[in-house]
Amino acid sequence: MLRRDFFGSMAAGTVSVRLARAQQQGPSGAGEVFIERPATEQPHKGKVLLALQAHSDDIPLMAAGTVVKRIEEGYTGYLVRATNDDMGDAPGLGTQGTIGDNVLRNERDNAEIARILGCKDHFDLNYNNHRMGDVSLNEVICRLIFLIRLVKADTVVCWDPRAHDEENPDH
C-alpha cells in the first residue's frame, strides 16, 4: 500500500466502523427524544462516585440528577466543595450576615445537599470564594489526589476542566 493511500484507507475504515455501530444502536435523529430509564438492579454496586464542586450550588444546579441516579444504581457517593462561599450574597440580596455567618451557613447547606443527594459523606476544602486563582495549583491537585485515593473513587463528576471560557475563577 502506498503511504499516501494509508490515511485515506484508515479514515474510510473508521467511518465504516462508526456507521456500523450507529446502525446497531438504532436510529437517532434530531427530532427523537431518548429517555434513560432507571436501572432495575444496582449495576454499579461497590463503585465510588466523587462529586466535586467549587460552590455549594454547583452540583445541585448542574448534575444533581446524574449524581442521584448513579447513587441509586449502587455507587457510594461523596461530595467535595472547594470554596467556603465566604463572599455571601450581593448587598441587598439573600440572607444578610457576617463572613463567618456565611461560611457556617454554607457549610451546613453543603452537608444537607450531600444528605439529600444520598452521599455517604462530604468534604469542604475551604478555599476563599472567587480566589482559587490565587491558590497554588499544585496544592489543589495534591488535595484532590488525596481525596480520590482516600475514597477510592471510580468516577468523578465535576465542572468541565476544559471550559476555559468560564468566567468564574473557581470553576
C-alpha atoms as a PDB file:
ATOM      1  CA  MET A   1       0.000   0.000   0.000  1.00  0.00           C
ATOM      2  CA  LEU A   2       1.262   3.465  -0.825  1.00  0.00           C
ATOM      3  CA  ARG A   3       1.909   5.813   2.061  1.00  0.00           C
ATOM      4  CA  ARG A   4      -0.448   8.472   0.666  1.00  0.00           C
ATOM      5  CA  ASP A   5      -3.267   5.902   0.448  1.00  0.00           C
ATOM      6  CA  PHE A   6      -2.751   4.695   4.017  1.00  0.00           C
ATOM      7  CA  PHE A   7      -4.514   7.593   5.769  1.00  0.00           C
ATOM      8  CA  GLY A   8      -7.409   7.591   3.313  1.00  0.00           C
ATOM      9  CA  SER A   9      -7.958   3.868   3.894  1.00  0.00           C
ATOM     10  CA  MET A  10      -7.686   4.371   7.632  1.00  0.00           C
ATOM     11  CA  ALA A  11     -10.264   7.194   7.609  1.00  0.00           C
ATOM     12  CA  ALA A  12     -12.642   5.138   5.472  1.00  0.00           C
ATOM     13  CA  GLY A  13     -12.304   2.224   7.894  1.00  0.00           C
ATOM     14  CA  THR A  14     -13.054   4.441  10.877  1.00  0.00           C
ATOM     15  CA  VAL A  15     -16.145   5.875   9.203  1.00  0.00           C
ATOM     16  CA  SER A  16     -17.454   2.411   8.342  1.00  0.00           C
ATOM     17  CA  VAL A  17     -16.957   1.199  11.933  1.00  0.00           C
ATOM     18  CA  ARG A  18     -18.822   4.218  13.330  1.00  0.00           C
ATOM     19  CA  LEU A  19     -21.610   3.744  10.794  1.00  0.00           C
ATOM     20  CA  ALA A  20     -21.946   0.077  11.748  1.00  0.00           C
ATOM     21  CA  ARG A  21     -22.143   0.989  15.452  1.00  0.00           C
ATOM     22  CA  ALA A  22     -24.773   3.642  14.779  1.00  0.00           C
ATOM     23  CA  GLN A  23     -26.880   1.138  12.851  1.00  0.00           C
ATOM     24  CA  GLN A  24     -26.625  -1.386  15.692  1.00  0.00           C
ATOM     25  CA  GLN A  25     -27.786   1.171  18.240  1.00  0.00           C
ATOM     26  CA  GLY A  26     -30.743   2.168  16.116  1.00  0.00           C
ATOM     27  CA  PRO A  27     -31.719   5.454  14.546  1.00  0.00           C
ATOM     28  CA  SER A  28     -31.123   8.659  16.411  1.00  0.00           C
ATOM     29  CA  GLY A  29     -32.347  11.777  14.716  1.00  0.00           C
ATOM     30  CA  ALA A  30     -32.520  15.341  15.879  1.00  0.00           C
ATOM     31  CA  GLY A  31     -36.269  15.028  16.393  1.00  0.00           C
ATOM     32  CA  GLU A  32     -36.115  11.912  18.568  1.00  0.00           C
ATOM     33  CA  VAL A  33     -36.101  12.040  22.358  1.00  0.00           C
ATOM     34  CA  PHE A  34     -34.155   9.490  24.383  1.00  0.00           C
ATOM     35  CA  ILE A  35     -35.114   8.934  27.991  1.00  0.00           C
ATOM     36  CA  GLU A  36     -32.720   6.923  30.117  1.00  0.00           C
ATOM     37  CA  ARG A  37     -34.780   4.762  32.414  1.00  0.00           C
ATOM     38  CA  PRO A  38     -33.684   3.837  35.936  1.00  0.00           C
ATOM     39  CA  ALA A  39     -31.845   0.552  36.209  1.00  0.00           C
ATOM     40  CA  THR A  40     -33.926  -2.204  37.776  1.00  0.00           C
ATOM     41  CA  GLU A  41     -30.924  -3.526  39.696  1.00  0.00           C
ATOM     42  CA  GLN A  42     -27.715  -1.950  41.013  1.00  0.00           C
ATOM     43  CA  PRO A  43     -25.174  -2.417  38.213  1.00  0.00           C
ATOM     44  CA  HIS A  44     -22.639  -0.132  39.919  1.00  0.00           C
ATOM     45  CA  LYS A  45     -22.712  -1.784  43.348  1.00  0.00           C
ATOM     46  CA  GLY A  46     -19.355  -1.325  45.058  1.00  0.00           C
ATOM     47  CA  LYS A  47     -18.215   1.629  42.927  1.00  0.00           C
ATOM     48  CA  VAL A  48     -17.442   5.062  44.367  1.00  0.00           C
ATOM     49  CA  LEU A  49     -18.507   8.431  42.949  1.00  0.00           C
ATOM     50  CA  LEU A  50     -16.852  11.722  43.899  1.00  0.00           C
ATOM     51  CA  ALA A  51     -18.923  14.812  43.070  1.00  0.00           C
ATOM     52  CA  LEU A  52     -16.624  17.835  43.012  1.00  0.00           C
ATOM     53  CA  GLN A  53     -17.966  21.383  43.096  1.00  0.00           C
ATOM     54  CA  ALA A  54     -16.481  24.821  43.587  1.00  0.00           C
ATOM     55  CA  HIS A  55     -19.540  26.245  45.369  1.00  0.00           C
ATOM     56  CA  SER A  56     -22.367  24.651  47.318  1.00  0.00           C
ATOM     57  CA  ASP A  57     -24.838  25.189  44.469  1.00  0.00           C
ATOM     58  CA  ASP A  58     -22.815  23.808  41.520  1.00  0.00           C
ATOM     59  CA  ILE A  59     -23.674  20.096  41.709  1.00  0.00           C
ATOM     60  CA  PRO A  60     -27.316  20.707  42.731  1.00  0.00           C
ATOM     61  CA  LEU A  61     -27.823  23.026  39.745  1.00  0.00           C
ATOM     62  CA  MET A  62     -25.765  21.202  37.122  1.00  0.00           C
ATOM     63  CA  ALA A  63     -25.594  17.482  37.919  1.00  0.00           C
ATOM     64  CA  ALA A  64     -27.922  16.533  40.780  1.00  0.00           C
ATOM     65  CA  GLY A  65     -29.914  14.123  38.624  1.00  0.00           C
ATOM     66  CA  THR A  66     -26.788  12.336  37.434  1.00  0.00           C
ATOM     67  CA  VAL A  67     -25.387  12.025  40.957  1.00  0.00           C
ATOM     68  CA  VAL A  68     -28.668  10.748  42.436  1.00  0.00           C
ATOM     69  CA  LYS A  69     -29.162   8.267  39.584  1.00  0.00           C
ATOM     70  CA  ARG A  70     -25.664   6.845  39.987  1.00  0.00           C
ATOM     71  CA  ILE A  71     -26.060   6.540  43.763  1.00  0.00           C
ATOM     72  CA  GLU A  72     -29.402   4.766  43.285  1.00  0.00           C
ATOM     73  CA  GLU A  73     -27.623   2.417  40.845  1.00  0.00           C
ATOM     74  CA  GLY A  74     -25.171   1.348  43.540  1.00  0.00           C
ATOM     75  CA  TYR A  75     -22.416   3.967  43.718  1.00  0.00           C
ATOM     76  CA  THR A  76     -21.286   5.192  47.129  1.00  0.00           C
ATOM     77  CA  GLY A  77     -21.276   8.986  46.808  1.00  0.00           C
ATOM     78  CA  TYR A  78     -19.042  11.666  48.283  1.00  0.00           C
ATOM     79  CA  LEU A  79     -19.462  15.422  47.816  1.00  0.00           C
ATOM     80  CA  VAL A  80     -16.481  17.818  47.793  1.00  0.00           C
ATOM     81  CA  ARG A  81     -16.807  21.606  47.934  1.00  0.00           C
ATOM     82  CA  ALA A  82     -13.653  23.559  47.102  1.00  0.00           C
ATOM     83  CA  THR A  83     -14.555  27.033  48.419  1.00  0.00           C
ATOM     84  CA  ASN A  84     -16.123  28.163  51.667  1.00  0.00           C
ATOM     85  CA  ASP A  85     -18.513  30.537  49.834  1.00  0.00           C
ATOM     86  CA  ASP A  86     -17.488  33.327  52.221  1.00  0.00           C
ATOM     87  CA  MET A  87     -18.489  36.116  49.835  1.00  0.00           C
ATOM     88  CA  GLY A  88     -22.162  35.642  50.646  1.00  0.00           C
ATOM     89  CA  ASP A  89     -24.832  37.342  48.616  1.00  0.00           C
ATOM     90  CA  ALA A  90     -24.678  40.655  46.817  1.00  0.00           C
ATOM     91  CA  PRO A  91     -25.698  43.614  49.002  1.00  0.00           C
ATOM     92  CA  GLY A  92     -29.457  43.725  49.409  1.00  0.00           C
ATOM     93  CA  LEU A  93     -29.944  40.143  48.208  1.00  0.00           C
ATOM     94  CA  GLY A  94     -30.332  36.910  50.116  1.00  0.00           C
ATOM     95  CA  THR A  95     -29.545  36.370  53.760  1.00  0.00           C
ATOM     96  CA  GLN A  96     -27.507  39.053  55.466  1.00  0.00           C
ATOM     97  CA  GLY A  97     -24.746  38.282  57.932  1.00  0.00           C
ATOM     98  CA  THR A  98     -21.046  38.341  58.622  1.00  0.00           C
ATOM     99  CA  ILE A  99     -18.446  36.405  56.636  1.00  0.00           C
ATOM    100  CA  GLY A 100     -18.374  33.822  59.429  1.00  0.00           C
ATOM    101  CA  ASP A 101     -22.172  33.517  59.276  1.00  0.00           C
ATOM    102  CA  ASN A 102     -21.989  32.946  55.510  1.00  0.00           C
ATOM    103  CA  VAL A 103     -19.275  30.289  55.836  1.00  0.00           C
ATOM    104  CA  LEU A 104     -21.151  28.426  58.582  1.00  0.00           C
ATOM    105  CA  ARG A 105     -24.499  28.632  56.764  1.00  0.00           C
ATOM    106  CA  ASN A 106     -22.976  27.356  53.517  1.00  0.00           C
ATOM    107  CA  GLU A 107     -21.145  24.566  55.351  1.00  0.00           C
ATOM    108  CA  ARG A 108     -24.471  23.418  56.787  1.00  0.00           C
ATOM    109  CA  ASP A 109     -26.123  23.769  53.373  1.00  0.00           C
ATOM    110  CA  ASN A 110     -23.411  21.608  51.814  1.00  0.00           C
ATOM    111  CA  ALA A 111     -23.917  18.901  54.446  1.00  0.00           C
ATOM    112  CA  GLU A 112     -27.660  18.978  53.775  1.00  0.00           C
ATOM    113  CA  ILE A 113     -27.109  18.807  49.999  1.00  0.00           C
ATOM    114  CA  ALA A 114     -24.876  15.761  50.484  1.00  0.00           C
ATOM    115  CA  ARG A 115     -27.584  14.115  52.593  1.00  0.00           C
ATOM    116  CA  ILE A 116     -30.335  14.853  50.050  1.00  0.00           C
ATOM    117  CA  LEU A 117     -28.228  13.548  47.155  1.00  0.00           C
ATOM    118  CA  GLY A 118     -27.627  10.342  49.114  1.00  0.00           C
ATOM    119  CA  CYS A 119     -23.894  10.829  49.641  1.00  0.00           C
ATOM    120  CA  LYS A 120     -22.134   8.883  52.378  1.00  0.00           C
ATOM    121  CA  ASP A 121     -20.014  11.885  53.412  1.00  0.00           C
ATOM    122  CA  HIS A 122     -18.880  15.330  52.301  1.00  0.00           C
ATOM    123  CA  PHE A 123     -15.631  17.298  52.393  1.00  0.00           C
ATOM    124  CA  ASP A 124     -15.025  21.063  52.480  1.00  0.00           C
ATOM    125  CA  LEU A 125     -11.630  22.282  51.247  1.00  0.00           C
ATOM    126  CA  ASN A 126     -12.425  25.833  52.498  1.00  0.00           C
ATOM    127  CA  TYR A 127     -10.603  27.944  49.937  1.00  0.00           C
ATOM    128  CA  ASN A 128     -11.743  31.573  49.761  1.00  0.00           C
ATOM    129  CA  ASN A 129     -14.598  32.216  47.363  1.00  0.00           C
ATOM    130  CA  HIS A 130     -13.518  33.599  43.947  1.00  0.00           C
ATOM    131  CA  ARG A 131      -9.859  33.322  44.990  1.00  0.00           C
ATOM    132  CA  MET A 132      -8.948  29.891  43.597  1.00  0.00           C
ATOM    133  CA  GLY A 133      -6.737  31.630  41.040  1.00  0.00           C
ATOM    134  CA  ASP A 134      -4.511  32.784  43.932  1.00  0.00           C
ATOM    135  CA  VAL A 135      -4.033  29.258  45.303  1.00  0.00           C
ATOM    136  CA  SER A 136      -1.150  27.026  44.285  1.00  0.00           C
ATOM    137  CA  LEU A 137      -2.408  24.670  41.576  1.00  0.00           C
ATOM    138  CA  ASN A 138      -0.067  22.016  42.954  1.00  0.00           C
ATOM    139  CA  GLU A 139      -1.713  22.286  46.383  1.00  0.00           C
ATOM    140  CA  VAL A 140      -5.210  21.864  44.943  1.00  0.00           C
ATOM    141  CA  ILE A 141      -4.117  18.905  42.801  1.00  0.00           C
ATOM    142  CA  CYS A 142      -2.455  17.218  45.794  1.00  0.00           C
ATOM    143  CA  ARG A 143      -5.539  17.647  47.982  1.00  0.00           C
ATOM    144  CA  LEU A 144      -7.806  16.261  45.259  1.00  0.00           C
ATOM    145  CA  ILE A 145      -5.482  13.316  44.632  1.00  0.00           C
ATOM    146  CA  PHE A 146      -5.540  12.621  48.371  1.00  0.00           C
ATOM    147  CA  LEU A 147      -9.356  12.615  48.434  1.00  0.00           C
ATOM    148  CA  ILE A 148      -9.653  10.479  45.293  1.00  0.00           C
ATOM    149  CA  ARG A 149      -7.279   7.927  46.812  1.00  0.00           C
ATOM    150  CA  LEU A 150      -8.919   8.142  50.243  1.00  0.00           C
ATOM    151  CA  VAL A 151     -12.387   7.245  48.958  1.00  0.00           C
ATOM    152  CA  LYS A 152     -11.003   5.093  46.096  1.00  0.00           C
ATOM    153  CA  ALA A 153     -13.161   6.947  43.551  1.00  0.00           C
ATOM    154  CA  ASP A 154     -14.105   5.154  40.345  1.00  0.00           C
ATOM    155  CA  THR A 155     -15.999   8.114  38.863  1.00  0.00           C
ATOM    156  CA  VAL A 156     -15.610  11.879  39.320  1.00  0.00           C
ATOM    157  CA  VAL A 157     -18.390  14.325  38.429  1.00  0.00           C
ATOM    158  CA  CYS A 158     -17.102  17.895  38.136  1.00  0.00           C
ATOM    159  CA  TRP A 159     -17.154  21.102  36.144  1.00  0.00           C
ATOM    160  CA  ASP A 160     -15.693  20.754  32.649  1.00  0.00           C
ATOM    161  CA  PRO A 161     -11.923  21.228  33.147  1.00  0.00           C
ATOM    162  CA  ARG A 162     -11.630  22.415  29.541  1.00  0.00           C
ATOM    163  CA  ALA A 163     -14.246  25.156  29.883  1.00  0.00           C
ATOM    164  CA  HIS A 164     -11.681  27.929  29.678  1.00  0.00           C
ATOM    165  CA  ASP A 165     -14.389  30.399  28.700  1.00  0.00           C
ATOM    166  CA  GLU A 166     -15.988  30.014  32.123  1.00  0.00           C
ATOM    167  CA  GLU A 167     -15.963  33.395  33.867  1.00  0.00           C
ATOM    168  CA  ASN A 168     -15.880  32.136  37.454  1.00  0.00           C
ATOM    169  CA  PRO A 169     -12.234  31.639  38.519  1.00  0.00           C
ATOM    170  CA  ASP A 170     -13.230  28.893  40.959  1.00  0.00           C
ATOM    171  CA  HIS A 171     -14.636  26.678  38.222  1.00  0.00           C
END
